[in-house]
Amino acid sequence: MRTLLLLAAATLDWDLAEECRLNCETLWHLTCKIFRDQPDEKVHITLQSLRESLDELGKVQEEETLKIEIEEVALSFNGISDNTAYEDMVDTRPKSTIFQENKIVRRMSI
């Protein structure tokens, strides 16, 4: 399972990374079923560690998928480059900056 996690995290091929993560998820569920009544705490600690790694990898893949989808939509509408597509469609500035800019706009519009 750790090998699949490492491969998923290291590869630049999104499809391969997703396949590795899904295979690892399947193995994790099967292993949990096999060892659910196991009194050895090391087994449960190891499975918990693997679960945390799987969850973290899943979040990273979700973020990358969202970024790719935003870039594809932006490119299809505007022909925007990869980096600016994400930045234009998702405001990555700190919330305080956004709030201050909105406050200025409100003052100007009154």
N, C-alpha and C. Protein backbone atom coordinates (compact mmCIF):
# COMPACT_ATOMS: atom_id res chain seq x y z
N MET A 1 0.82 -1.19 0.00
CA MET A 1 0.00 0.00 0.00
C MET A 1 0.87 1.25 0.00
N ARG A 2 1.92 1.23 0.78
CA ARG A 2 2.80 2.40 0.82
C ARG A 2 3.47 2.63 -0.54
N THR A 3 3.78 1.56 -1.24
CA THR A 3 4.37 1.69 -2.58
C THR A 3 3.39 2.36 -3.53
N LEU A 4 2.13 1.98 -3.46
CA LEU A 4 1.11 2.61 -4.30
C LEU A 4 0.96 4.10 -3.95
N LEU A 5 0.99 4.42 -2.67
CA LEU A 5 0.91 5.82 -2.25
C LEU A 5 2.10 6.62 -2.77
N LEU A 6 3.28 6.04 -2.64
CA LEU A 6 4.49 6.71 -3.11
C LEU A 6 4.44 6.93 -4.62
N LEU A 7 4.04 5.91 -5.35
CA LEU A 7 3.94 6.02 -6.81
C LEU A 7 2.90 7.08 -7.19
N ALA A 8 1.77 7.08 -6.52
CA ALA A 8 0.72 8.07 -6.82
C ALA A 8 1.20 9.49 -6.56
N ALA A 9 1.97 9.67 -5.51
CA ALA A 9 2.47 11.00 -5.17
C ALA A 9 3.61 11.44 -6.07
N ALA A 10 4.37 10.49 -6.59
CA ALA A 10 5.57 10.83 -7.35
C ALA A 10 5.34 11.00 -8.85
N THR A 11 4.32 10.35 -9.39
CA THR A 11 4.13 10.39 -10.83
C THR A 11 3.49 11.70 -11.29
N LEU A 12 3.83 12.11 -12.50
CA LEU A 12 3.21 13.28 -13.10
C LEU A 12 1.99 12.91 -13.93
N ASP A 13 1.78 11.62 -14.13
CA ASP A 13 0.64 11.12 -14.90
C ASP A 13 -0.57 11.04 -13.97
N TRP A 14 -1.55 11.93 -14.18
CA TRP A 14 -2.70 12.01 -13.28
C TRP A 14 -3.48 10.70 -13.28
N ASP A 15 -3.67 10.09 -14.45
CA ASP A 15 -4.44 8.85 -14.53
C ASP A 15 -3.77 7.72 -13.74
N LEU A 16 -2.46 7.61 -13.86
CA LEU A 16 -1.72 6.60 -13.10
C LEU A 16 -1.83 6.87 -11.60
N ALA A 17 -1.70 8.12 -11.22
CA ALA A 17 -1.81 8.48 -9.79
C ALA A 17 -3.18 8.11 -9.25
N GLU A 18 -4.23 8.40 -10.01
CA GLU A 18 -5.59 8.07 -9.58
C GLU A 18 -5.78 6.57 -9.48
N GLU A 19 -5.25 5.84 -10.46
CA GLU A 19 -5.35 4.37 -10.43
C GLU A 19 -4.64 3.79 -9.20
N CYS A 20 -3.45 4.31 -8.91
CA CYS A 20 -2.71 3.84 -7.73
C CYS A 20 -3.47 4.14 -6.44
N ARG A 21 -4.03 5.35 -6.36
CA ARG A 21 -4.78 5.72 -5.15
C ARG A 21 -6.01 4.83 -4.98
N LEU A 22 -6.73 4.59 -6.05
CA LEU A 22 -7.93 3.75 -5.96
C LEU A 22 -7.58 2.30 -5.60
N ASN A 23 -6.49 1.78 -6.17
CA ASN A 23 -6.04 0.43 -5.81
C ASN A 23 -5.65 0.37 -4.33
N CYS A 24 -4.99 1.40 -3.86
CA CYS A 24 -4.59 1.45 -2.46
C CYS A 24 -5.83 1.54 -1.55
N GLU A 25 -6.82 2.33 -1.97
CA GLU A 25 -8.08 2.41 -1.21
C GLU A 25 -8.72 1.03 -1.09
N THR A 26 -8.75 0.29 -2.19
CA THR A 26 -9.34 -1.05 -2.19
C THR A 26 -8.57 -1.97 -1.25
N LEU A 27 -7.25 -1.96 -1.35
CA LEU A 27 -6.43 -2.78 -0.46
C LEU A 27 -6.63 -2.39 1.00
N TRP A 28 -6.75 -1.10 1.26
CA TRP A 28 -6.94 -0.64 2.63
C TRP A 28 -8.26 -1.18 3.19
N HIS A 29 -9.33 -1.09 2.41
CA HIS A 29 -10.63 -1.59 2.87
C HIS A 29 -10.59 -3.11 3.12
N LEU A 30 -9.96 -3.84 2.21
CA LEU A 30 -9.85 -5.29 2.39
C LEU A 30 -9.03 -5.63 3.63
N THR A 31 -7.94 -4.92 3.83
CA THR A 31 -7.09 -5.16 4.99
C THR A 31 -7.84 -4.84 6.29
N CYS A 32 -8.62 -3.77 6.27
CA CYS A 32 -9.42 -3.44 7.46
C CYS A 32 -10.40 -4.55 7.79
N LYS A 33 -11.02 -5.12 6.77
CA LYS A 33 -11.97 -6.22 7.01
C LYS A 33 -11.27 -7.44 7.58
N ILE A 34 -10.10 -7.75 7.04
CA ILE A 34 -9.36 -8.92 7.49
C ILE A 34 -8.90 -8.76 8.93
N PHE A 35 -8.43 -7.57 9.29
CA PHE A 35 -7.83 -7.36 10.61
C PHE A 35 -8.73 -6.60 11.58
N ARG A 36 -10.02 -6.50 11.30
CA ARG A 36 -10.90 -5.72 12.18
C ARG A 36 -10.98 -6.28 13.60
N ASP A 37 -10.84 -7.57 13.76
CA ASP A 37 -10.90 -8.17 15.09
C ASP A 37 -9.52 -8.43 15.68
N GLN A 38 -8.50 -7.94 15.02
CA GLN A 38 -7.12 -8.15 15.46
C GLN A 38 -6.84 -7.31 16.71
N PRO A 39 -6.40 -7.92 17.79
CA PRO A 39 -6.14 -7.16 19.02
C PRO A 39 -4.82 -6.38 18.97
N ASP A 40 -3.96 -6.67 18.02
CA ASP A 40 -2.65 -6.01 17.94
C ASP A 40 -2.83 -4.53 17.56
N GLU A 41 -2.41 -3.66 18.45
CA GLU A 41 -2.58 -2.22 18.24
C GLU A 41 -1.73 -1.70 17.08
N LYS A 42 -0.60 -2.34 16.79
CA LYS A 42 0.27 -1.91 15.70
C LYS A 42 -0.46 -1.97 14.36
N VAL A 43 -1.30 -2.97 14.19
CA VAL A 43 -2.08 -3.10 12.95
C VAL A 43 -2.98 -1.89 12.79
N HIS A 44 -3.67 -1.51 13.84
CA HIS A 44 -4.61 -0.39 13.78
C HIS A 44 -3.89 0.94 13.60
N ILE A 45 -2.74 1.08 14.22
CA ILE A 45 -1.95 2.30 14.06
C ILE A 45 -1.47 2.42 12.61
N THR A 46 -1.00 1.33 12.05
CA THR A 46 -0.54 1.33 10.66
C THR A 46 -1.68 1.64 9.70
N LEU A 47 -2.84 1.03 9.92
CA LEU A 47 -4.00 1.29 9.07
C LEU A 47 -4.45 2.74 9.20
N GLN A 48 -4.40 3.29 10.40
CA GLN A 48 -4.77 4.69 10.59
C GLN A 48 -3.80 5.62 9.86
N SER A 49 -2.53 5.31 9.92
CA SER A 49 -1.52 6.09 9.22
C SER A 49 -1.75 6.05 7.71
N LEU A 50 -2.04 4.87 7.20
CA LEU A 50 -2.33 4.73 5.77
C LEU A 50 -3.59 5.50 5.39
N ARG A 51 -4.60 5.46 6.24
CA ARG A 51 -5.85 6.18 5.98
C ARG A 51 -5.60 7.68 5.87
N GLU A 52 -4.78 8.21 6.79
CA GLU A 52 -4.45 9.63 6.76
C GLU A 52 -3.71 10.00 5.48
N SER A 53 -2.79 9.14 5.06
CA SER A 53 -2.05 9.39 3.82
C SER A 53 -2.99 9.34 2.61
N LEU A 54 -3.90 8.38 2.61
CA LEU A 54 -4.87 8.28 1.51
C LEU A 54 -5.77 9.52 1.46
N ASP A 55 -6.22 9.97 2.61
CA ASP A 55 -7.07 11.16 2.66
C ASP A 55 -6.33 12.40 2.15
N GLU A 56 -5.08 12.53 2.57
CA GLU A 56 -4.27 13.67 2.14
C GLU A 56 -4.04 13.63 0.63
N LEU A 57 -3.71 12.47 0.11
CA LEU A 57 -3.51 12.32 -1.33
C LEU A 57 -4.80 12.62 -2.09
N GLY A 58 -5.92 12.16 -1.57
CA GLY A 58 -7.21 12.43 -2.20
C GLY A 58 -7.50 13.91 -2.28
N LYS A 59 -7.20 14.66 -1.22
CA LYS A 59 -7.42 16.11 -1.22
C LYS A 59 -6.54 16.80 -2.25
N VAL A 60 -5.29 16.39 -2.32
CA VAL A 60 -4.37 16.98 -3.30
C VAL A 60 -4.87 16.71 -4.71
N GLN A 61 -5.32 15.49 -4.98
CA GLN A 61 -5.83 15.16 -6.31
C GLN A 61 -7.10 15.94 -6.63
N GLU A 62 -7.96 16.14 -5.65
CA GLU A 62 -9.17 16.94 -5.88
C GLU A 62 -8.81 18.37 -6.25
N GLU A 63 -7.85 18.96 -5.53
CA GLU A 63 -7.42 20.32 -5.82
C GLU A 63 -6.82 20.42 -7.22
N GLU A 64 -6.00 19.44 -7.58
CA GLU A 64 -5.39 19.45 -8.91
C GLU A 64 -6.44 19.25 -10.00
N THR A 65 -7.42 18.41 -9.74
CA THR A 65 -8.50 18.19 -10.71
C THR A 65 -9.27 19.48 -10.92
N LEU A 66 -9.58 20.17 -9.84
CA LEU A 66 -10.30 21.43 -9.93
C LEU A 66 -9.49 22.45 -10.72
N LYS A 67 -8.20 22.52 -10.43
CA LYS A 67 -7.33 23.47 -11.13
C LYS A 67 -7.29 23.15 -12.62
N ILE A 68 -7.18 21.88 -12.98
CA ILE A 68 -7.15 21.47 -14.38
C ILE A 68 -8.46 21.82 -15.07
N GLU A 69 -9.59 21.55 -14.40
CA GLU A 69 -10.89 21.85 -14.99
C GLU A 69 -11.08 23.35 -15.20
N ILE A 70 -10.65 24.15 -14.24
CA ILE A 70 -10.74 25.61 -14.38
C ILE A 70 -9.89 26.08 -15.54
N GLU A 71 -8.68 25.55 -15.66
CA GLU A 71 -7.81 25.94 -16.76
C GLU A 71 -8.42 25.57 -18.11
N GLU A 72 -9.01 24.38 -18.19
CA GLU A 72 -9.63 23.95 -19.45
C GLU A 72 -10.81 24.84 -19.82
N VAL A 73 -11.63 25.19 -18.85
CA VAL A 73 -12.77 26.08 -19.12
C VAL A 73 -12.27 27.45 -19.55
N ALA A 74 -11.30 27.99 -18.83
CA ALA A 74 -10.77 29.31 -19.17
C ALA A 74 -10.14 29.31 -20.56
N LEU A 75 -9.41 28.27 -20.89
CA LEU A 75 -8.80 28.18 -22.21
C LEU A 75 -9.86 28.09 -23.31
N SER A 76 -10.93 27.36 -23.05
CA SER A 76 -11.96 27.22 -24.08
C SER A 76 -12.71 28.53 -24.30
N PHE A 77 -12.82 29.37 -23.27
CA PHE A 77 -13.52 30.64 -23.42
C PHE A 77 -12.61 31.77 -23.89
N ASN A 78 -11.43 31.86 -23.32
CA ASN A 78 -10.59 33.04 -23.54
C ASN A 78 -9.26 32.76 -24.21
N GLY A 79 -8.82 31.53 -24.21
CA GLY A 79 -7.47 31.25 -24.67
C GLY A 79 -6.43 31.74 -23.67
N ILE A 80 -6.79 31.77 -22.40
CA ILE A 80 -5.89 32.25 -21.35
C ILE A 80 -4.83 31.19 -21.08
N SER A 81 -3.64 31.65 -20.67
CA SER A 81 -2.57 30.70 -20.34
C SER A 81 -2.91 29.94 -19.07
N ASP A 82 -2.22 28.83 -18.86
CA ASP A 82 -2.50 27.93 -17.74
C ASP A 82 -2.49 28.63 -16.39
N ASN A 83 -1.45 29.40 -16.10
CA ASN A 83 -1.32 30.00 -14.77
C ASN A 83 -2.35 31.08 -14.52
N THR A 84 -2.60 31.93 -15.50
CA THR A 84 -3.54 33.02 -15.27
C THR A 84 -4.97 32.53 -15.21
N ALA A 85 -5.28 31.41 -15.84
CA ALA A 85 -6.65 30.89 -15.81
C ALA A 85 -7.08 30.60 -14.38
N TYR A 86 -6.24 29.91 -13.66
CA TYR A 86 -6.57 29.56 -12.28
C TYR A 86 -6.64 30.81 -11.41
N GLU A 87 -5.67 31.69 -11.56
CA GLU A 87 -5.62 32.89 -10.74
C GLU A 87 -6.79 33.83 -11.04
N ASP A 88 -7.21 33.91 -12.30
CA ASP A 88 -8.33 34.78 -12.66
C ASP A 88 -9.66 34.25 -12.16
N MET A 89 -9.84 32.93 -12.19
CA MET A 89 -11.13 32.37 -11.83
C MET A 89 -11.26 32.08 -10.34
N VAL A 90 -10.16 31.88 -9.66
CA VAL A 90 -10.18 31.63 -8.22
C VAL A 90 -9.33 32.70 -7.56
N ASP A 91 -9.95 33.49 -6.71
CA ASP A 91 -9.24 34.57 -6.05
C ASP A 91 -8.34 34.00 -4.98
N THR A 92 -7.02 34.06 -5.21
CA THR A 92 -6.06 33.47 -4.28
C THR A 92 -5.51 34.49 -3.30
N ARG A 93 -6.00 35.72 -3.35
CA ARG A 93 -5.51 36.75 -2.43
C ARG A 93 -6.05 36.52 -1.03
N PRO A 94 -5.36 37.09 -0.02
CA PRO A 94 -5.88 36.99 1.34
C PRO A 94 -7.25 37.66 1.45
N LYS A 95 -8.10 37.14 2.31
CA LYS A 95 -9.46 37.67 2.45
C LYS A 95 -9.45 39.13 2.87
N SER A 96 -8.47 39.55 3.66
CA SER A 96 -8.42 40.94 4.10
C SER A 96 -8.23 41.88 2.90
N THR A 97 -7.41 41.47 1.94
CA THR A 97 -7.19 42.27 0.74
C THR A 97 -8.47 42.37 -0.08
N ILE A 98 -9.16 41.27 -0.24
CA ILE A 98 -10.41 41.25 -1.00
C ILE A 98 -11.43 42.15 -0.32
N PHE A 99 -11.53 42.05 1.00
CA PHE A 99 -12.48 42.86 1.75
C PHE A 99 -12.17 44.34 1.58
N GLN A 100 -10.90 44.72 1.69
CA GLN A 100 -10.52 46.12 1.54
C GLN A 100 -10.85 46.63 0.15
N GLU A 101 -10.60 45.84 -0.87
CA GLU A 101 -10.91 46.25 -2.23
C GLU A 101 -12.41 46.40 -2.42
N ASN A 102 -13.20 45.50 -1.87
CA ASN A 102 -14.65 45.61 -1.97
C ASN A 102 -15.16 46.85 -1.25
N LYS A 103 -14.55 47.19 -0.13
CA LYS A 103 -14.94 48.37 0.63
C LYS A 103 -14.69 49.63 -0.20
N ILE A 104 -13.56 49.68 -0.88
CA ILE A 104 -13.24 50.82 -1.72
C ILE A 104 -14.24 50.93 -2.86
N VAL A 105 -14.57 49.83 -3.48
CA VAL A 105 -15.53 49.84 -4.58
C VAL A 105 -16.89 50.34 -4.09
N ARG A 106 -17.30 49.94 -2.92
CA ARG A 106 -18.58 50.39 -2.37
C ARG A 106 -18.57 51.90 -2.15
N ARG A 107 -17.48 52.42 -1.65
CA ARG A 107 -17.38 53.86 -1.42
C ARG A 107 -17.47 54.62 -2.74
N MET A 108 -16.83 54.08 -3.76
CA MET A 108 -16.82 54.76 -5.05
C MET A 108 -18.19 54.71 -5.72
N SER A 109 -18.93 53.66 -5.50
CA SER A 109 -20.21 53.53 -6.18
C SER A 109 -21.33 54.32 -5.51
N ILE A 110 -21.10 54.82 -4.31
CA ILE A 110 -22.16 55.56 -3.59
C ILE A 110 -22.21 56.97 -4.03
